[in-house]
Amino acid sequence: MPPKKDPKAAKKGGGLEDEARARADAVDDIDDDDYKKSLRVECRALEDKIRKEEDLAGLYQDERQRVNYFWIVSKKELEDK
């Protein structure tokens, strides 16, 4: 059963991050603090990797649009000749 959301907790301080941290701290299936810390570090690394992948996907889309634009311009020039 998921923990109940405390609406006051989200309004008081840091919002979603604090709420997530409070829910994570409430879970007591992992007692080892070092293991929790390593999971947080791994999570941050994966978030960074996701951001980089999204940036690369955006660059790919920009390049694709640029190539398509030049293709259309070249095709039009060829038709004009």
PDB file of N, CA and C in Angstrom:
ATOM      1  N   MET A   1       0.842  -1.170   0.000  1.00  0.00           N
ATOM      2  CA  MET A   1       0.000   0.000   0.000  1.00  0.00           C
ATOM      3  C   MET A   1       0.892   1.240   0.000  1.00  0.00           C
ATOM      4  N   PRO A   2       0.683   2.162  -0.976  1.00  0.00           N
ATOM      5  CA  PRO A   2       1.515   3.375  -1.036  1.00  0.00           C
ATOM      6  C   PRO A   2       1.213   4.284   0.139  1.00  0.00           C
ATOM      7  N   PRO A   3       2.231   5.020   0.570  1.00  0.00           N
ATOM      8  CA  PRO A   3       2.010   5.947   1.683  1.00  0.00           C
ATOM      9  C   PRO A   3       1.073   7.066   1.262  1.00  0.00           C
ATOM     10  N   LYS A   4       0.312   7.554   2.223  1.00  0.00           N
ATOM     11  CA  LYS A   4      -0.624   8.643   1.937  1.00  0.00           C
ATOM     12  C   LYS A   4       0.140   9.950   1.782  1.00  0.00           C
ATOM     13  N   LYS A   5      -0.347  10.781   0.880  1.00  0.00           N
ATOM     14  CA  LYS A   5       0.285  12.080   0.651  1.00  0.00           C
ATOM     15  C   LYS A   5      -0.151  13.041   1.745  1.00  0.00           C
ATOM     16  N   ASP A   6       0.818  13.796   2.221  1.00  0.00           N
ATOM     17  CA  ASP A   6       0.525  14.810   3.216  1.00  0.00           C
ATOM     18  C   ASP A   6       0.492  16.156   2.505  1.00  0.00           C
ATOM     19  N   PRO A   7      -0.691  16.742   2.268  1.00  0.00           N
ATOM     20  CA  PRO A   7      -0.748  17.998   1.516  1.00  0.00           C
ATOM     21  C   PRO A   7      -0.024  19.137   2.207  1.00  0.00           C
ATOM     22  N   LYS A   8       0.067  19.084   3.519  1.00  0.00           N
ATOM     23  CA  LYS A   8       0.771  20.142   4.236  1.00  0.00           C
ATOM     24  C   LYS A   8       2.273  20.074   3.996  1.00  0.00           C
ATOM     25  N   ALA A   9       2.804  18.862   3.803  1.00  0.00           N
ATOM     26  CA  ALA A   9       4.242  18.702   3.595  1.00  0.00           C
ATOM     27  C   ALA A   9       4.672  19.350   2.285  1.00  0.00           C
ATOM     28  N   ALA A  10       3.853  19.235   1.243  1.00  0.00           N
ATOM     29  CA  ALA A  10       4.204  19.815  -0.050  1.00  0.00           C
ATOM     30  C   ALA A  10       4.138  21.340  -0.001  1.00  0.00           C
ATOM     31  N   LYS A  11       3.243  21.896   0.801  1.00  0.00           N
ATOM     32  CA  LYS A  11       3.090  23.348   0.867  1.00  0.00           C
ATOM     33  C   LYS A  11       4.147  24.003   1.730  1.00  0.00           C
ATOM     34  N   LYS A  12       4.614  23.306   2.746  1.00  0.00           N
ATOM     35  CA  LYS A  12       5.507  23.927   3.726  1.00  0.00           C
ATOM     36  C   LYS A  12       6.848  24.339   3.143  1.00  0.00           C
ATOM     37  N   GLY A  13       7.555  23.390   2.533  1.00  0.00           N
ATOM     38  CA  GLY A  13       8.940  23.707   2.239  1.00  0.00           C
ATOM     39  C   GLY A  13       9.324  23.560   0.789  1.00  0.00           C
ATOM     40  N   GLY A  14       9.981  22.455   0.491  1.00  0.00           N
ATOM     41  CA  GLY A  14      10.611  22.297  -0.808  1.00  0.00           C
ATOM     42  C   GLY A  14       9.759  21.652  -1.858  1.00  0.00           C
ATOM     43  N   GLY A  15       8.547  21.348  -1.590  1.00  0.00           N
ATOM     44  CA  GLY A  15       7.671  20.832  -2.621  1.00  0.00           C
ATOM     45  C   GLY A  15       7.870  19.354  -2.869  1.00  0.00           C
ATOM     46  N   LEU A  16       7.948  19.008  -4.139  1.00  0.00           N
ATOM     47  CA  LEU A  16       7.975  17.606  -4.539  1.00  0.00           C
ATOM     48  C   LEU A  16       9.219  16.870  -4.061  1.00  0.00           C
ATOM     49  N   GLU A  17      10.350  17.535  -4.114  1.00  0.00           N
ATOM     50  CA  GLU A  17      11.593  16.864  -3.712  1.00  0.00           C
ATOM     51  C   GLU A  17      11.565  16.507  -2.225  1.00  0.00           C
ATOM     52  N   ASP A  18      11.100  17.430  -1.404  1.00  0.00           N
ATOM     53  CA  ASP A  18      11.012  17.146   0.028  1.00  0.00           C
ATOM     54  C   ASP A  18       9.995  16.051   0.314  1.00  0.00           C
ATOM     55  N   GLU A  19       8.894  16.089  -0.426  1.00  0.00           N
ATOM     56  CA  GLU A  19       7.873  15.054  -0.245  1.00  0.00           C
ATOM     57  C   GLU A  19       8.425  13.689  -0.632  1.00  0.00           C
ATOM     58  N   ALA A  20       9.163  13.641  -1.744  1.00  0.00           N
ATOM     59  CA  ALA A  20       9.752  12.379  -2.186  1.00  0.00           C
ATOM     60  C   ALA A  20      10.790  11.888  -1.181  1.00  0.00           C
ATOM     61  N   ARG A  21      11.594  12.811  -0.671  1.00  0.00           N
ATOM     62  CA  ARG A  21      12.602  12.421   0.317  1.00  0.00           C
ATOM     63  C   ARG A  21      11.943  11.894   1.593  1.00  0.00           C
ATOM     64  N   ALA A  22      10.848  12.540   2.012  1.00  0.00           N
ATOM     65  CA  ALA A  22      10.139  12.092   3.216  1.00  0.00           C
ATOM     66  C   ALA A  22       9.548  10.705   3.013  1.00  0.00           C
ATOM     67  N   ARG A  23       8.975  10.471   1.835  1.00  0.00           N
ATOM     68  CA  ARG A  23       8.426   9.136   1.566  1.00  0.00           C
ATOM     69  C   ARG A  23       9.533   8.099   1.489  1.00  0.00           C
ATOM     70  N   ALA A  24      10.676   8.467   0.912  1.00  0.00           N
ATOM     71  CA  ALA A  24      11.793   7.530   0.815  1.00  0.00           C
ATOM     72  C   ALA A  24      12.352   7.212   2.192  1.00  0.00           C
ATOM     73  N   ASP A  25      12.422   8.217   3.051  1.00  0.00           N
ATOM     74  CA  ASP A  25      12.913   7.986   4.409  1.00  0.00           C
ATOM     75  C   ASP A  25      11.936   7.149   5.227  1.00  0.00           C
ATOM     76  N   ALA A  26      10.651   7.220   4.878  1.00  0.00           N
ATOM     77  CA  ALA A  26       9.638   6.465   5.613  1.00  0.00           C
ATOM     78  C   ALA A  26       9.721   4.971   5.312  1.00  0.00           C
ATOM     79  N   VAL A  27      10.288   4.620   4.153  1.00  0.00           N
ATOM     80  CA  VAL A  27      10.424   3.209   3.800  1.00  0.00           C
ATOM     81  C   VAL A  27      11.551   2.623   4.624  1.00  0.00           C
ATOM     82  N   ASP A  28      11.254   1.561   5.341  1.00  0.00           N
ATOM     83  CA  ASP A  28      12.269   0.985   6.221  1.00  0.00           C
ATOM     84  C   ASP A  28      12.662  -0.422   5.805  1.00  0.00           C
ATOM     85  N   ASP A  29      12.572  -0.725   4.492  1.00  0.00           N
ATOM     86  CA  ASP A  29      12.995  -2.043   4.045  1.00  0.00           C
ATOM     87  C   ASP A  29      14.507  -2.108   3.844  1.00  0.00           C
ATOM     88  N   ILE A  30      15.168  -0.962   3.732  1.00  0.00           N
ATOM     89  CA  ILE A  30      16.616  -0.906   3.591  1.00  0.00           C
ATOM     90  C   ILE A  30      17.152  -0.155   4.808  1.00  0.00           C
ATOM     91  N   ASP A  31      17.910  -0.851   5.622  1.00  0.00           N
ATOM     92  CA  ASP A  31      18.416  -0.225   6.844  1.00  0.00           C
ATOM     93  C   ASP A  31      19.792   0.395   6.665  1.00  0.00           C
ATOM     94  N   ASP A  32      20.507   0.003   5.643  1.00  0.00           N
ATOM     95  CA  ASP A  32      21.876   0.446   5.451  1.00  0.00           C
ATOM     96  C   ASP A  32      21.911   1.828   4.800  1.00  0.00           C
ATOM     97  N   ASP A  33      22.401   2.829   5.516  1.00  0.00           N
ATOM     98  CA  ASP A  33      22.459   4.197   4.987  1.00  0.00           C
ATOM     99  C   ASP A  33      23.425   4.321   3.812  1.00  0.00           C
ATOM    100  N   ASP A  34      24.513   3.546   3.836  1.00  0.00           N
ATOM    101  CA  ASP A  34      25.463   3.593   2.721  1.00  0.00           C
ATOM    102  C   ASP A  34      24.803   3.098   1.432  1.00  0.00           C
ATOM    103  N   TYR A  35      23.979   2.072   1.550  1.00  0.00           N
ATOM    104  CA  TYR A  35      23.280   1.536   0.378  1.00  0.00           C
ATOM    105  C   TYR A  35      22.286   2.569  -0.156  1.00  0.00           C
ATOM    106  N   LYS A  36      21.566   3.247   0.743  1.00  0.00           N
ATOM    107  CA  LYS A  36      20.643   4.300   0.318  1.00  0.00           C
ATOM    108  C   LYS A  36      21.395   5.415  -0.396  1.00  0.00           C
ATOM    109  N   LYS A  37      22.550   5.780   0.154  1.00  0.00           N
ATOM    110  CA  LYS A  37      23.348   6.844  -0.458  1.00  0.00           C
ATOM    111  C   LYS A  37      23.816   6.427  -1.848  1.00  0.00           C
ATOM    112  N   SER A  38      24.259   5.185  -1.992  1.00  0.00           N
ATOM    113  CA  SER A  38      24.718   4.720  -3.297  1.00  0.00           C
ATOM    114  C   SER A  38      23.566   4.693  -4.300  1.00  0.00           C
ATOM    115  N   LEU A  39      22.362   4.360  -3.841  1.00  0.00           N
ATOM    116  CA  LEU A  39      21.201   4.389  -4.730  1.00  0.00           C
ATOM    117  C   LEU A  39      20.884   5.814  -5.176  1.00  0.00           C
ATOM    118  N   ARG A  40      20.991   6.774  -4.257  1.00  0.00           N
ATOM    119  CA  ARG A  40      20.747   8.171  -4.623  1.00  0.00           C
ATOM    120  C   ARG A  40      21.780   8.661  -5.628  1.00  0.00           C
ATOM    121  N   VAL A  41      23.040   8.273  -5.429  1.00  0.00           N
ATOM    122  CA  VAL A  41      24.103   8.672  -6.359  1.00  0.00           C
ATOM    123  C   VAL A  41      23.839   8.071  -7.740  1.00  0.00           C
ATOM    124  N   GLU A  42      23.452   6.800  -7.758  1.00  0.00           N
ATOM    125  CA  GLU A  42      23.160   6.137  -9.026  1.00  0.00           C
ATOM    126  C   GLU A  42      21.955   6.792  -9.708  1.00  0.00           C
ATOM    127  N   CYS A  43      20.957   7.160  -8.929  1.00  0.00           N
ATOM    128  CA  CYS A  43      19.769   7.827  -9.474  1.00  0.00           C
ATOM    129  C   CYS A  43      20.143   9.162 -10.107  1.00  0.00           C
ATOM    130  N   ARG A  44      20.983   9.931  -9.438  1.00  0.00           N
ATOM    131  CA  ARG A  44      21.422  11.217 -10.007  1.00  0.00           C
ATOM    132  C   ARG A  44      22.209  11.010 -11.289  1.00  0.00           C
ATOM    133  N   ALA A  45      23.057   9.973 -11.314  1.00  0.00           N
ATOM    134  CA  ALA A  45      23.831   9.689 -12.520  1.00  0.00           C
ATOM    135  C   ALA A  45      22.905   9.312 -13.670  1.00  0.00           C
ATOM    136  N   LEU A  46      21.882   8.526 -13.384  1.00  0.00           N
ATOM    137  CA  LEU A  46      20.934   8.146 -14.422  1.00  0.00           C
ATOM    138  C   LEU A  46      20.121   9.343 -14.903  1.00  0.00           C
ATOM    139  N   GLU A  47      19.764  10.242 -13.993  1.00  0.00           N
ATOM    140  CA  GLU A  47      19.051  11.461 -14.393  1.00  0.00           C
ATOM    141  C   GLU A  47      19.925  12.314 -15.300  1.00  0.00           C
ATOM    142  N   ASP A  48      21.212  12.418 -14.985  1.00  0.00           N
ATOM    143  CA  ASP A  48      22.135  13.168 -15.847  1.00  0.00           C
ATOM    144  C   ASP A  48      22.225  12.520 -17.225  1.00  0.00           C
ATOM    145  N   LYS A  49      22.268  11.201 -17.245  1.00  0.00           N
ATOM    146  CA  LYS A  49      22.343  10.479 -18.510  1.00  0.00           C
ATOM    147  C   LYS A  49      21.074  10.712 -19.332  1.00  0.00           C
ATOM    148  N   ILE A  50      19.926  10.740 -18.667  1.00  0.00           N
ATOM    149  CA  ILE A  50      18.662  11.005 -19.362  1.00  0.00           C
ATOM    150  C   ILE A  50      18.679  12.399 -19.963  1.00  0.00           C
ATOM    151  N   ARG A  51      19.144  13.385 -19.195  1.00  0.00           N
ATOM    152  CA  ARG A  51      19.221  14.759 -19.708  1.00  0.00           C
ATOM    153  C   ARG A  51      20.122  14.841 -20.936  1.00  0.00           C
ATOM    154  N   LYS A  52      21.266  14.155 -20.877  1.00  0.00           N
ATOM    155  CA  LYS A  52      22.185  14.177 -22.020  1.00  0.00           C
ATOM    156  C   LYS A  52      21.552  13.516 -23.243  1.00  0.00           C
ATOM    157  N   GLU A  53      20.842  12.399 -23.026  1.00  0.00           N
ATOM    158  CA  GLU A  53      20.173  11.713 -24.129  1.00  0.00           C
ATOM    159  C   GLU A  53      19.092  12.596 -24.740  1.00  0.00           C
ATOM    160  N   GLU A  54      18.350  13.318 -23.899  1.00  0.00           N
ATOM    161  CA  GLU A  54      17.331  14.229 -24.412  1.00  0.00           C
ATOM    162  C   GLU A  54      17.964  15.355 -25.218  1.00  0.00           C
ATOM    163  N   ASP A  55      19.104  15.861 -24.756  1.00  0.00           N
ATOM    164  CA  ASP A  55      19.812  16.899 -25.509  1.00  0.00           C
ATOM    165  C   ASP A  55      20.270  16.367 -26.865  1.00  0.00           C
ATOM    166  N   LEU A  56      20.807  15.156 -26.873  1.00  0.00           N
ATOM    167  CA  LEU A  56      21.256  14.555 -28.127  1.00  0.00           C
ATOM    168  C   LEU A  56      20.078  14.298 -29.064  1.00  0.00           C
ATOM    169  N   ALA A  57      18.946  13.896 -28.514  1.00  0.00           N
ATOM    170  CA  ALA A  57      17.757  13.680 -29.343  1.00  0.00           C
ATOM    171  C   ALA A  57      17.305  15.000 -29.967  1.00  0.00           C
ATOM    172  N   GLY A  58      17.387  16.084 -29.197  1.00  0.00           N
ATOM    173  CA  GLY A  58      17.042  17.397 -29.732  1.00  0.00           C
ATOM    174  C   GLY A  58      17.992  17.818 -30.848  1.00  0.00           C
ATOM    175  N   LEU A  59      19.290  17.576 -30.651  1.00  0.00           N
ATOM    176  CA  LEU A  59      20.268  17.892 -31.697  1.00  0.00           C
ATOM    177  C   LEU A  59      20.019  17.071 -32.956  1.00  0.00           C
ATOM    178  N   TYR A  60      19.688  15.800 -32.759  1.00  0.00           N
ATOM    179  CA  TYR A  60      19.378  14.936 -33.896  1.00  0.00           C
ATOM    180  C   TYR A  60      18.183  15.481 -34.668  1.00  0.00           C
ATOM    181  N   GLN A  61      17.152  15.890 -33.958  1.00  0.00           N
ATOM    182  CA  GLN A  61      15.956  16.428 -34.603  1.00  0.00           C
ATOM    183  C   GLN A  61      16.282  17.704 -35.365  1.00  0.00           C
ATOM    184  N   ASP A  62      17.117  18.572 -34.778  1.00  0.00           N
ATOM    185  CA  ASP A  62      17.525  19.801 -35.464  1.00  0.00           C
ATOM    186  C   ASP A  62      18.281  19.481 -36.757  1.00  0.00           C
ATOM    187  N   GLU A  63      19.212  18.542 -36.683  1.00  0.00           N
ATOM    188  CA  GLU A  63      19.976  18.148 -37.872  1.00  0.00           C
ATOM    189  C   GLU A  63      19.065  17.563 -38.941  1.00  0.00           C
ATOM    190  N   ARG A  64      18.111  16.759 -38.495  1.00  0.00           N
ATOM    191  CA  ARG A  64      17.181  16.141 -39.443  1.00  0.00           C
ATOM    192  C   ARG A  64      16.369  17.217 -40.165  1.00  0.00           C
ATOM    193  N   GLN A  65      15.892  18.208 -39.429  1.00  0.00           N
ATOM    194  CA  GLN A  65      15.134  19.297 -40.054  1.00  0.00           C
ATOM    195  C   GLN A  65      16.007  20.098 -41.006  1.00  0.00           C
ATOM    196  N   ARG A  66      17.260  20.319 -40.631  1.00  0.00           N
ATOM    197  CA  ARG A  66      18.186  21.069 -41.481  1.00  0.00           C
ATOM    198  C   ARG A  66      18.439  20.318 -42.791  1.00  0.00           C
ATOM    199  N   VAL A  67      18.688  19.020 -42.702  1.00  0.00           N
ATOM    200  CA  VAL A  67      18.927  18.214 -43.901  1.00  0.00           C
ATOM    201  C   VAL A  67      17.682  18.218 -44.783  1.00  0.00           C
ATOM    202  N   ASN A  68      16.512  18.076 -44.166  1.00  0.00           N
ATOM    203  CA  ASN A  68      15.264  18.084 -44.924  1.00  0.00           C
ATOM    204  C   ASN A  68      15.074  19.418 -45.638  1.00  0.00           C
ATOM    205  N   TYR A  69      15.395  20.508 -44.948  1.00  0.00           N
ATOM    206  CA  TYR A  69      15.275  21.832 -45.556  1.00  0.00           C
ATOM    207  C   TYR A  69      16.197  21.951 -46.775  1.00  0.00           C
ATOM    208  N   PHE A  70      17.457  21.547 -46.635  1.00  0.00           N
ATOM    209  CA  PHE A  70      18.397  21.633 -47.756  1.00  0.00           C
ATOM    210  C   PHE A  70      17.979  20.714 -48.894  1.00  0.00           C
ATOM    211  N   TRP A  71      17.394  19.574 -48.563  1.00  0.00           N
ATOM    212  CA  TRP A  71      16.902  18.655 -49.580  1.00  0.00           C
ATOM    213  C   TRP A  71      15.805  19.342 -50.406  1.00  0.00           C
ATOM    214  N   ILE A  72      14.874  20.002 -49.729  1.00  0.00           N
ATOM    215  CA  ILE A  72      13.774  20.677 -50.415  1.00  0.00           C
ATOM    216  C   ILE A  72      14.303  21.817 -51.278  1.00  0.00           C
ATOM    217  N   VAL A  73      15.248  22.598 -50.742  1.00  0.00           N
ATOM    218  CA  VAL A  73      15.823  23.713 -51.499  1.00  0.00           C
ATOM    219  C   VAL A  73      16.569  23.195 -52.734  1.00  0.00           C
ATOM    220  N   SER A  74      17.357  22.156 -52.570  1.00  0.00           N
ATOM    221  CA  SER A  74      18.109  21.595 -53.704  1.00  0.00           C
ATOM    222  C   SER A  74      17.165  21.018 -54.748  1.00  0.00           C
ATOM    223  N   LYS A  75      16.132  20.356 -54.301  1.00  0.00           N
ATOM    224  CA  LYS A  75      15.150  19.792 -55.228  1.00  0.00           C
ATOM    225  C   LYS A  75      14.468  20.907 -56.022  1.00  0.00           C
ATOM    226  N   LYS A  76      14.133  22.004 -55.355  1.00  0.00           N
ATOM    227  CA  LYS A  76      13.486  23.139 -56.010  1.00  0.00           C
ATOM    228  C   LYS A  76      14.443  23.768 -57.016  1.00  0.00           C
ATOM    229  N   GLU A  77      15.718  23.916 -56.659  1.00  0.00           N
ATOM    230  CA  GLU A  77      16.699  24.473 -57.586  1.00  0.00           C
ATOM    231  C   GLU A  77      16.855  23.601 -58.826  1.00  0.00           C
ATOM    232  N   LEU A  78      16.852  22.305 -58.616  1.00  0.00           N
ATOM    233  CA  LEU A  78      16.977  21.377 -59.743  1.00  0.00           C
ATOM    234  C   LEU A  78      15.757  21.471 -60.656  1.00  0.00           C
ATOM    235  N   GLU A  79      14.582  21.578 -60.068  1.00  0.00           N
ATOM    236  CA  GLU A  79      13.375  21.712 -60.872  1.00  0.00           C
ATOM    237  C   GLU A  79      13.365  23.021 -61.654  1.00  0.00           C
ATOM    238  N   ASP A  80      13.892  24.083 -61.047  1.00  0.00           N
ATOM    239  CA  ASP A  80      13.937  25.377 -61.725  1.00  0.00           C
ATOM    240  C   ASP A  80      14.884  25.355 -62.911  1.00  0.00           C
ATOM    241  N   LYS A  81      15.973  24.592 -62.812  1.00  0.00           N
ATOM    242  CA  LYS A  81      16.938  24.516 -63.916  1.00  0.00           C
ATOM    243  C   LYS A  81      16.366  23.676 -65.019  1.00  0.00           C
TER     244      LYS A  81
END
